[in-house]
């Protein structure tokens, strides 16, 4: 699945690899949540170390995949979907 079609504004704004700070901006999460997502394996990353600086290097496609999974999970629990499901169960069940 080509997720760049679903998130064209993010793809246009950010490079192929981003930092943890940019991850927080894209996903609208705090740095602690970003750290937890990385440690749980939800968002894979590599560590890039220069002489004095150590930074996390994250693929933009991995972030887009995480956003897609997060939205899919939320849709199933949204009040609208739940209300429609109960309506159809009530009116279409024999």
PDB file of N, CA and C in Angstrom:
ATOM      1  N   UNK A   1       0.836  -1.165   0.000  1.00  0.00           N
ATOM      2  CA  UNK A   1       0.000   0.000   0.000  1.00  0.00           C
ATOM      3  C   UNK A   1       0.895   1.248   0.000  1.00  0.00           C
ATOM      4  N   UNK A   2       0.591   2.166  -0.861  1.00  0.00           N
ATOM      5  CA  UNK A   2       1.371   3.396  -0.967  1.00  0.00           C
ATOM      6  C   UNK A   2       0.745   4.461  -0.073  1.00  0.00           C
ATOM      7  N   UNK A   3       1.324   4.647   1.109  1.00  0.00           N
ATOM      8  CA  UNK A   3       0.768   5.587   2.075  1.00  0.00           C
ATOM      9  C   UNK A   3       1.083   7.035   1.743  1.00  0.00           C
ATOM     10  N   UNK A   4       1.989   7.273   0.800  1.00  0.00           N
ATOM     11  CA  UNK A   4       2.302   8.648   0.440  1.00  0.00           C
ATOM     12  C   UNK A   4       1.106   9.337  -0.229  1.00  0.00           C
ATOM     13  N   UNK A   5       0.189   8.560  -0.801  1.00  0.00           N
ATOM     14  CA  UNK A   5      -1.014   9.134  -1.400  1.00  0.00           C
ATOM     15  C   UNK A   5      -1.997   9.602  -0.331  1.00  0.00           C
ATOM     16  N   UNK A   6      -2.005   8.936   0.824  1.00  0.00           N
ATOM     17  CA  UNK A   6      -2.924   9.296   1.896  1.00  0.00           C
ATOM     18  C   UNK A   6      -2.447  10.508   2.687  1.00  0.00           C
ATOM     19  N   UNK A   7      -1.147  10.727   2.723  1.00  0.00           N
ATOM     20  CA  UNK A   7      -0.570  11.824   3.503  1.00  0.00           C
ATOM     21  C   UNK A   7       0.346  12.683   2.616  1.00  0.00           C
ATOM     22  N   UNK A   8      -0.166  13.307   1.555  1.00  0.00           N
ATOM     23  CA  UNK A   8       0.715  14.062   0.661  1.00  0.00           C
ATOM     24  C   UNK A   8       1.303  15.315   1.301  1.00  0.00           C
ATOM     25  N   UNK A   9       0.574  15.933   2.234  1.00  0.00           N
ATOM     26  CA  UNK A   9       1.097  17.140   2.874  1.00  0.00           C
ATOM     27  C   UNK A   9       2.294  16.833   3.769  1.00  0.00           C
ATOM     28  N   UNK A  10       2.287  15.704   4.437  1.00  0.00           N
ATOM     29  CA  UNK A  10       3.420  15.308   5.281  1.00  0.00           C
ATOM     30  C   UNK A  10       4.621  14.956   4.416  1.00  0.00           C
ATOM     31  N   UNK A  11       4.393  14.226   3.339  1.00  0.00           N
ATOM     32  CA  UNK A  11       5.483  13.814   2.452  1.00  0.00           C
ATOM     33  C   UNK A  11       6.132  15.035   1.808  1.00  0.00           C
ATOM     34  N   UNK A  12       5.342  16.040   1.469  1.00  0.00           N
ATOM     35  CA  UNK A  12       5.893  17.236   0.843  1.00  0.00           C
ATOM     36  C   UNK A  12       6.702  18.083   1.825  1.00  0.00           C
ATOM     37  N   UNK A  13       6.334  18.042   3.086  1.00  0.00           N
ATOM     38  CA  UNK A  13       6.968  18.913   4.079  1.00  0.00           C
ATOM     39  C   UNK A  13       8.244  18.337   4.680  1.00  0.00           C
ATOM     40  N   UNK A  14       8.326  17.014   4.832  1.00  0.00           N
ATOM     41  CA  UNK A  14       9.435  16.390   5.555  1.00  0.00           C
ATOM     42  C   UNK A  14      10.305  15.533   4.622  1.00  0.00           C
ATOM     43  N   UNK A  15      11.603  15.375   4.966  1.00  0.00           N
ATOM     44  CA  UNK A  15      12.494  14.526   4.156  1.00  0.00           C
ATOM     45  C   UNK A  15      12.232  13.038   4.412  1.00  0.00           C
ATOM     46  N   UNK A  16      12.977  12.181   3.747  1.00  0.00           N
ATOM     47  CA  UNK A  16      12.784  10.728   3.859  1.00  0.00           C
ATOM     48  C   UNK A  16      13.113  10.205   5.253  1.00  0.00           C
ATOM     49  N   UNK A  17      14.082  10.822   5.930  1.00  0.00           N
ATOM     50  CA  UNK A  17      14.440  10.446   7.297  1.00  0.00           C
ATOM     51  C   UNK A  17      14.257  11.654   8.198  1.00  0.00           C
ATOM     52  N   UNK A  18      13.631  11.453   9.350  1.00  0.00           N
ATOM     53  CA  UNK A  18      13.362  12.549  10.271  1.00  0.00           C
ATOM     54  C   UNK A  18      13.935  12.245  11.647  1.00  0.00           C
ATOM     55  N   UNK A  19      13.954  13.251  12.503  1.00  0.00           N
ATOM     56  CA  UNK A  19      14.433  13.098  13.875  1.00  0.00           C
ATOM     57  C   UNK A  19      13.247  12.845  14.801  1.00  0.00           C
ATOM     58  N   UNK A  20      13.556  12.606  16.069  1.00  0.00           N
ATOM     59  CA  UNK A  20      12.496  12.363  17.043  1.00  0.00           C
ATOM     60  C   UNK A  20      11.638  13.617  17.237  1.00  0.00           C
ATOM     61  N   UNK A  21      12.257  14.781  17.178  1.00  0.00           N
ATOM     62  CA  UNK A  21      11.512  16.036  17.328  1.00  0.00           C
ATOM     63  C   UNK A  21      10.501  16.188  16.192  1.00  0.00           C
ATOM     64  N   UNK A  22      10.912  15.858  14.971  1.00  0.00           N
ATOM     65  CA  UNK A  22       9.998  15.929  13.836  1.00  0.00           C
ATOM     66  C   UNK A  22       8.922  14.852  13.922  1.00  0.00           C
ATOM     67  N   UNK A  23       9.260  13.704  14.487  1.00  0.00           N
ATOM     68  CA  UNK A  23       8.264  12.658  14.725  1.00  0.00           C
ATOM     69  C   UNK A  23       7.167  13.193  15.632  1.00  0.00           C
ATOM     70  N   UNK A  24       7.547  13.912  16.668  1.00  0.00           N
ATOM     71  CA  UNK A  24       6.570  14.494  17.582  1.00  0.00           C
ATOM     72  C   UNK A  24       5.678  15.500  16.868  1.00  0.00           C
ATOM     73  N   UNK A  25       6.255  16.288  15.967  1.00  0.00           N
ATOM     74  CA  UNK A  25       5.470  17.256  15.206  1.00  0.00           C
ATOM     75  C   UNK A  25       4.483  16.565  14.267  1.00  0.00           C
ATOM     76  N   UNK A  26       4.936  15.533  13.595  1.00  0.00           N
ATOM     77  CA  UNK A  26       4.093  14.846  12.620  1.00  0.00           C
ATOM     78  C   UNK A  26       2.922  14.149  13.304  1.00  0.00           C
ATOM     79  N   UNK A  27       3.204  13.429  14.382  1.00  0.00           N
ATOM     80  CA  UNK A  27       2.178  12.630  15.054  1.00  0.00           C
ATOM     81  C   UNK A  27       1.404  13.405  16.115  1.00  0.00           C
ATOM     82  N   UNK A  28       1.831  14.634  16.415  1.00  0.00           N
ATOM     83  CA  UNK A  28       1.212  15.446  17.455  1.00  0.00           C
ATOM     84  C   UNK A  28       1.256  14.726  18.806  1.00  0.00           C
ATOM     85  N   UNK A  29       2.446  14.291  19.176  1.00  0.00           N
ATOM     86  CA  UNK A  29       2.650  13.599  20.441  1.00  0.00           C
ATOM     87  C   UNK A  29       3.810  14.256  21.183  1.00  0.00           C
ATOM     88  N   UNK A  30       3.925  13.962  22.466  1.00  0.00           N
ATOM     89  CA  UNK A  30       5.013  14.518  23.271  1.00  0.00           C
ATOM     90  C   UNK A  30       6.257  13.632  23.115  1.00  0.00           C
ATOM     91  N   UNK A  31       7.426  14.147  23.493  1.00  0.00           N
ATOM     92  CA  UNK A  31       8.661  13.350  23.368  1.00  0.00           C
ATOM     93  C   UNK A  31       8.639  12.048  24.165  1.00  0.00           C
ATOM     94  N   UNK A  32       7.976  12.043  25.307  1.00  0.00           N
ATOM     95  CA  UNK A  32       7.897  10.819  26.117  1.00  0.00           C
ATOM     96  C   UNK A  32       7.105   9.731  25.389  1.00  0.00           C
ATOM     97  N   UNK A  33       6.020  10.116  24.749  1.00  0.00           N
ATOM     98  CA  UNK A  33       5.233   9.155  23.968  1.00  0.00           C
ATOM     99  C   UNK A  33       6.032   8.643  22.780  1.00  0.00           C
ATOM    100  N   UNK A  34       6.788   9.530  22.140  1.00  0.00           N
ATOM    101  CA  UNK A  34       7.636   9.113  21.021  1.00  0.00           C
ATOM    102  C   UNK A  34       8.680   8.113  21.488  1.00  0.00           C
ATOM    103  N   UNK A  35       9.265   8.368  22.639  1.00  0.00           N
ATOM    104  CA  UNK A  35      10.248   7.435  23.208  1.00  0.00           C
ATOM    105  C   UNK A  35       9.603   6.078  23.479  1.00  0.00           C
ATOM    106  N   UNK A  36       8.411   6.080  24.057  1.00  0.00           N
ATOM    107  CA  UNK A  36       7.719   4.826  24.347  1.00  0.00           C
ATOM    108  C   UNK A  36       7.370   4.058  23.072  1.00  0.00           C
ATOM    109  N   UNK A  37       6.951   4.770  22.036  1.00  0.00           N
ATOM    110  CA  UNK A  37       6.643   4.109  20.760  1.00  0.00           C
ATOM    111  C   UNK A  37       7.889   3.464  20.163  1.00  0.00           C
ATOM    112  N   UNK A  38       9.017   4.137  20.282  1.00  0.00           N
ATOM    113  CA  UNK A  38      10.269   3.578  19.764  1.00  0.00           C
ATOM    114  C   UNK A  38      10.692   2.359  20.575  1.00  0.00           C
ATOM    115  N   UNK A  39      10.559   2.425  21.883  1.00  0.00           N
ATOM    116  CA  UNK A  39      10.986   1.312  22.723  1.00  0.00           C
ATOM    117  C   UNK A  39      10.070   0.097  22.584  1.00  0.00           C
ATOM    118  N   UNK A  40       8.801   0.315  22.313  1.00  0.00           N
ATOM    119  CA  UNK A  40       7.854  -0.783  22.128  1.00  0.00           C
ATOM    120  C   UNK A  40       7.947  -1.402  20.737  1.00  0.00           C
ATOM    121  N   UNK A  41       8.671  -0.752  19.833  1.00  0.00           N
ATOM    122  CA  UNK A  41       8.827  -1.284  18.487  1.00  0.00           C
ATOM    123  C   UNK A  41       7.744  -0.843  17.520  1.00  0.00           C
ATOM    124  N   UNK A  42       6.885   0.082  17.925  1.00  0.00           N
ATOM    125  CA  UNK A  42       5.837   0.579  17.031  1.00  0.00           C
ATOM    126  C   UNK A  42       6.440   1.354  15.862  1.00  0.00           C
ATOM    127  N   UNK A  43       7.501   2.120  16.150  1.00  0.00           N
ATOM    128  CA  UNK A  43       8.177   2.909  15.135  1.00  0.00           C
ATOM    129  C   UNK A  43       9.660   2.548  15.158  1.00  0.00           C
ATOM    130  N   UNK A  44      10.148   1.845  14.156  1.00  0.00           N
ATOM    131  CA  UNK A  44      11.570   1.477  14.130  1.00  0.00           C
ATOM    132  C   UNK A  44      12.462   2.694  13.883  1.00  0.00           C
ATOM    133  N   UNK A  45      13.668   2.644  14.417  1.00  0.00           N
ATOM    134  CA  UNK A  45      14.608   3.752  14.276  1.00  0.00           C
ATOM    135  C   UNK A  45      16.032   3.230  14.282  1.00  0.00           C
ATOM    136  N   UNK A  46      16.959   4.060  13.829  1.00  0.00           N
ATOM    137  CA  UNK A  46      18.386   3.773  13.934  1.00  0.00           C
ATOM    138  C   UNK A  46      19.035   4.952  14.644  1.00  0.00           C
ATOM    139  N   UNK A  47      20.137   4.678  15.306  1.00  0.00           N
ATOM    140  CA  UNK A  47      20.844   5.728  16.022  1.00  0.00           C
ATOM    141  C   UNK A  47      22.005   6.186  15.170  1.00  0.00           C
ATOM    142  N   UNK A  48      22.054   7.492  14.933  1.00  0.00           N
ATOM    143  CA  UNK A  48      23.137   8.096  14.170  1.00  0.00           C
ATOM    144  C   UNK A  48      23.978   8.904  15.154  1.00  0.00           C
ATOM    145  N   UNK A  49      25.251   8.561  15.235  1.00  0.00           N
ATOM    146  CA  UNK A  49      26.103   9.213  16.224  1.00  0.00           C
ATOM    147  C   UNK A  49      27.243   9.953  15.544  1.00  0.00           C
ATOM    148  N   UNK A  50      27.301  11.252  15.773  1.00  0.00           N
ATOM    149  CA  UNK A  50      28.423  12.065  15.345  1.00  0.00           C
ATOM    150  C   UNK A  50      29.394  12.156  16.517  1.00  0.00           C
ATOM    151  N   UNK A  51      30.346  13.042  16.450  1.00  0.00           N
ATOM    152  CA  UNK A  51      31.327  13.148  17.525  1.00  0.00           C
ATOM    153  C   UNK A  51      30.687  13.533  18.856  1.00  0.00           C
ATOM    154  N   UNK A  52      29.799  14.488  18.835  1.00  0.00           N
ATOM    155  CA  UNK A  52      29.194  14.964  20.076  1.00  0.00           C
ATOM    156  C   UNK A  52      27.703  14.705  20.181  1.00  0.00           C
ATOM    157  N   UNK A  53      27.065  14.451  19.073  1.00  0.00           N
ATOM    158  CA  UNK A  53      25.610  14.354  19.057  1.00  0.00           C
ATOM    159  C   UNK A  53      25.169  12.948  18.675  1.00  0.00           C
ATOM    160  N   UNK A  54      24.191  12.459  19.404  1.00  0.00           N
ATOM    161  CA  UNK A  54      23.563  11.184  19.087  1.00  0.00           C
ATOM    162  C   UNK A  54      22.096  11.457  18.804  1.00  0.00           C
ATOM    163  N   UNK A  55      21.623  11.087  17.626  1.00  0.00           N
ATOM    164  CA  UNK A  55      20.241  11.360  17.254  1.00  0.00           C
ATOM    165  C   UNK A  55      19.586  10.117  16.681  1.00  0.00           C
ATOM    166  N   UNK A  56      18.259  10.110  16.749  1.00  0.00           N
ATOM    167  CA  UNK A  56      17.486   9.010  16.200  1.00  0.00           C
ATOM    168  C   UNK A  56      17.117   9.349  14.768  1.00  0.00           C
ATOM    169  N   UNK A  57      17.281   8.370  13.896  1.00  0.00           N
ATOM    170  CA  UNK A  57      16.975   8.540  12.481  1.00  0.00           C
ATOM    171  C   UNK A  57      15.789   7.615  12.181  1.00  0.00           C
ATOM    172  N   UNK A  58      14.663   8.215  11.778  1.00  0.00           N
ATOM    173  CA  UNK A  58      13.415   7.475  11.601  1.00  0.00           C
ATOM    174  C   UNK A  58      12.936   7.655  10.163  1.00  0.00           C
ATOM    175  N   UNK A  59      12.553   6.555   9.511  1.00  0.00           N
ATOM    176  CA  UNK A  59      12.030   6.634   8.146  1.00  0.00           C
ATOM    177  C   UNK A  59      10.642   7.260   8.161  1.00  0.00           C
ATOM    178  N   UNK A  60      10.412   8.136   7.220  1.00  0.00           N
ATOM    179  CA  UNK A  60       9.101   8.778   7.113  1.00  0.00           C
ATOM    180  C   UNK A  60       8.022   7.754   6.766  1.00  0.00           C
ATOM    181  N   UNK A  61       8.360   6.751   5.991  1.00  0.00           N
ATOM    182  CA  UNK A  61       7.368   5.727   5.629  1.00  0.00           C
ATOM    183  C   UNK A  61       6.923   4.924   6.849  1.00  0.00           C
ATOM    184  N   UNK A  62       7.832   4.712   7.816  1.00  0.00           N
ATOM    185  CA  UNK A  62       7.453   4.018   9.049  1.00  0.00           C
ATOM    186  C   UNK A  62       6.481   4.860   9.874  1.00  0.00           C
ATOM    187  N   UNK A  63       6.680   6.167   9.855  1.00  0.00           N
ATOM    188  CA  UNK A  63       5.770   7.063  10.578  1.00  0.00           C
ATOM    189  C   UNK A  63       4.401   7.074   9.907  1.00  0.00           C
ATOM    190  N   UNK A  64       4.382   7.085   8.584  1.00  0.00           N
ATOM    191  CA  UNK A  64       3.108   7.062   7.864  1.00  0.00           C
ATOM    192  C   UNK A  64       2.355   5.764   8.127  1.00  0.00           C
ATOM    193  N   UNK A  65       3.085   4.668   8.200  1.00  0.00           N
ATOM    194  CA  UNK A  65       2.447   3.380   8.509  1.00  0.00           C
ATOM    195  C   UNK A  65       1.868   3.398   9.918  1.00  0.00           C
ATOM    196  N   UNK A  66       2.591   3.995  10.865  1.00  0.00           N
ATOM    197  CA  UNK A  66       2.075   4.100  12.235  1.00  0.00           C
ATOM    198  C   UNK A  66       0.812   4.963  12.268  1.00  0.00           C
ATOM    199  N   UNK A  67       0.831   6.098  11.564  1.00  0.00           N
ATOM    200  CA  UNK A  67      -0.349   6.965  11.527  1.00  0.00           C
ATOM    201  C   UNK A  67      -1.548   6.241  10.931  1.00  0.00           C
ATOM    202  N   UNK A  68      -1.312   5.461   9.888  1.00  0.00           N
ATOM    203  CA  UNK A  68      -2.398   4.711   9.257  1.00  0.00           C
ATOM    204  C   UNK A  68      -2.969   3.674  10.224  1.00  0.00           C
ATOM    205  N   UNK A  69      -2.083   2.941  10.916  1.00  0.00           N
ATOM    206  CA  UNK A  69      -2.563   1.959  11.901  1.00  0.00           C
ATOM    207  C   UNK A  69      -3.329   2.632  13.028  1.00  0.00           C
ATOM    208  N   UNK A  70      -2.854   3.781  13.473  1.00  0.00           N
ATOM    209  CA  UNK A  70      -3.513   4.500  14.567  1.00  0.00           C
ATOM    210  C   UNK A  70      -4.896   4.966  14.139  1.00  0.00           C
ATOM    211  N   UNK A  71      -5.031   5.472  12.931  1.00  0.00           N
ATOM    212  CA  UNK A  71      -6.332   5.925  12.453  1.00  0.00           C
ATOM    213  C   UNK A  71      -7.292   4.767  12.242  1.00  0.00           C
ATOM    214  N   UNK A  72      -6.788   3.646  11.788  1.00  0.00           N
ATOM    215  CA  UNK A  72      -7.656   2.482  11.582  1.00  0.00           C
ATOM    216  C   UNK A  72      -8.195   1.963  12.908  1.00  0.00           C
ATOM    217  N   UNK A  73      -7.372   1.976  13.932  1.00  0.00           N
ATOM    218  CA  UNK A  73      -7.823   1.537  15.253  1.00  0.00           C
ATOM    219  C   UNK A  73      -8.852   2.500  15.822  1.00  0.00           C
ATOM    220  N   UNK A  74      -8.685   3.790  15.604  1.00  0.00           N
ATOM    221  CA  UNK A  74      -9.614   4.764  16.147  1.00  0.00           C
ATOM    222  C   UNK A  74     -10.954   4.715  15.448  1.00  0.00           C
ATOM    223  N   UNK A  75     -10.945   4.431  14.160  1.00  0.00           N
ATOM    224  CA  UNK A  75     -12.205   4.388  13.435  1.00  0.00           C
ATOM    225  C   UNK A  75     -13.121   3.293  13.955  1.00  0.00           C
ATOM    226  N   UNK A  76     -12.566   2.163  14.324  1.00  0.00           N
ATOM    227  CA  UNK A  76     -13.393   1.061  14.813  1.00  0.00           C
ATOM    228  C   UNK A  76     -14.030   1.399  16.155  1.00  0.00           C
ATOM    229  N   UNK A  77     -13.401   2.274  16.928  1.00  0.00           N
ATOM    230  CA  UNK A  77     -13.921   2.634  18.241  1.00  0.00           C
ATOM    231  C   UNK A  77     -14.663   3.962  18.246  1.00  0.00           C
ATOM    232  N   UNK A  78     -14.802   4.601  17.103  1.00  0.00           N
ATOM    233  CA  UNK A  78     -15.451   5.914  17.073  1.00  0.00           C
ATOM    234  C   UNK A  78     -16.935   5.761  17.396  1.00  0.00           C
ATOM    235  N   UNK A  79     -17.527   6.758  18.032  1.00  0.00           N
ATOM    236  CA  UNK A  79     -18.954   6.676  18.386  1.00  0.00           C
ATOM    237  C   UNK A  79     -19.860   6.520  17.172  1.00  0.00           C
ATOM    238  N   UNK A  80     -19.478   7.137  16.058  1.00  0.00           N
ATOM    239  CA  UNK A  80     -20.291   7.035  14.853  1.00  0.00           C
ATOM    240  C   UNK A  80     -20.335   5.594  14.348  1.00  0.00           C
ATOM    241  N   UNK A  81     -19.175   4.951  14.276  1.00  0.00           N
ATOM    242  CA  UNK A  81     -19.117   3.564  13.802  1.00  0.00           C
ATOM    243  C   UNK A  81     -19.872   2.642  14.756  1.00  0.00           C
ATOM    244  N   UNK A  82     -19.706   2.846  16.054  1.00  0.00           N
ATOM    245  CA  UNK A  82     -20.419   2.016  17.034  1.00  0.00           C
ATOM    246  C   UNK A  82     -21.928   2.201  16.925  1.00  0.00           C
ATOM    247  N   UNK A  83     -22.376   3.445  16.727  1.00  0.00           N
ATOM    248  CA  UNK A  83     -23.809   3.696  16.599  1.00  0.00           C
ATOM    249  C   UNK A  83     -24.365   3.052  15.332  1.00  0.00           C
ATOM    250  N   UNK A  84     -23.632   3.154  14.238  1.00  0.00           N
ATOM    251  CA  UNK A  84     -24.089   2.526  13.001  1.00  0.00           C
ATOM    252  C   UNK A  84     -24.127   1.013  13.129  1.00  0.00           C
ATOM    253  N   UNK A  85     -23.142   0.447  13.802  1.00  0.00           N
ATOM    254  CA  UNK A  85     -23.098  -1.001  13.980  1.00  0.00           C
ATOM    255  C   UNK A  85     -24.303  -1.475  14.797  1.00  0.00           C
ATOM    256  N   UNK A  86     -24.647  -0.784  15.884  1.00  0.00           N
ATOM    257  CA  UNK A  86     -25.801  -1.190  16.692  1.00  0.00           C
ATOM    258  C   UNK A  86     -27.103  -0.975  15.927  1.00  0.00           C
ATOM    259  N   UNK A  87     -27.170   0.087  15.121  1.00  0.00           N
ATOM    260  CA  UNK A  87     -28.374   0.328  14.322  1.00  0.00           C
ATOM    261  C   UNK A  87     -28.601  -0.813  13.339  1.00  0.00           C
ATOM    262  N   UNK A  88     -27.554  -1.184  12.611  1.00  0.00           N
ATOM    263  CA  UNK A  88     -27.698  -2.256  11.633  1.00  0.00           C
ATOM    264  C   UNK A  88     -27.944  -3.603  12.299  1.00  0.00           C
ATOM    265  N   UNK A  89     -27.335  -3.827  13.436  1.00  0.00           N
ATOM    266  CA  UNK A  89     -27.591  -5.084  14.142  1.00  0.00           C
ATOM    267  C   UNK A  89     -29.037  -5.175  14.596  1.00  0.00           C
ATOM    268  N   UNK A  90     -29.577  -4.044  15.044  1.00  0.00           N
ATOM    269  CA  UNK A  90     -30.950  -4.043  15.547  1.00  0.00           C
ATOM    270  C   UNK A  90     -31.964  -4.188  14.416  1.00  0.00           C
ATOM    271  N   UNK A  91     -31.764  -3.479  13.313  1.00  0.00           N
ATOM    272  CA  UNK A  91     -32.755  -3.449  12.246  1.00  0.00           C
ATOM    273  C   UNK A  91     -32.575  -4.543  11.188  1.00  0.00           C
ATOM    274  N   UNK A  92     -31.405  -5.100  11.065  1.00  0.00           N
ATOM    275  CA  UNK A  92     -31.194  -6.117  10.038  1.00  0.00           C
ATOM    276  C   UNK A  92     -31.138  -7.539  10.591  1.00  0.00           C
ATOM    277  N   UNK A  93     -31.098  -7.662  11.895  1.00  0.00           N
ATOM    278  CA  UNK A  93     -31.078  -9.006  12.478  1.00  0.00           C
ATOM    279  C   UNK A  93     -32.479  -9.585  12.450  1.00  0.00           C
ATOM    280  N   UNK A  94     -32.611 -10.898  12.175  1.00  0.00           N
ATOM    281  CA  UNK A  94     -33.949 -11.512  12.116  1.00  0.00           C
ATOM    282  C   UNK A  94     -34.573 -11.686  13.483  1.00  0.00           C
TER     283      UNK A  94
END
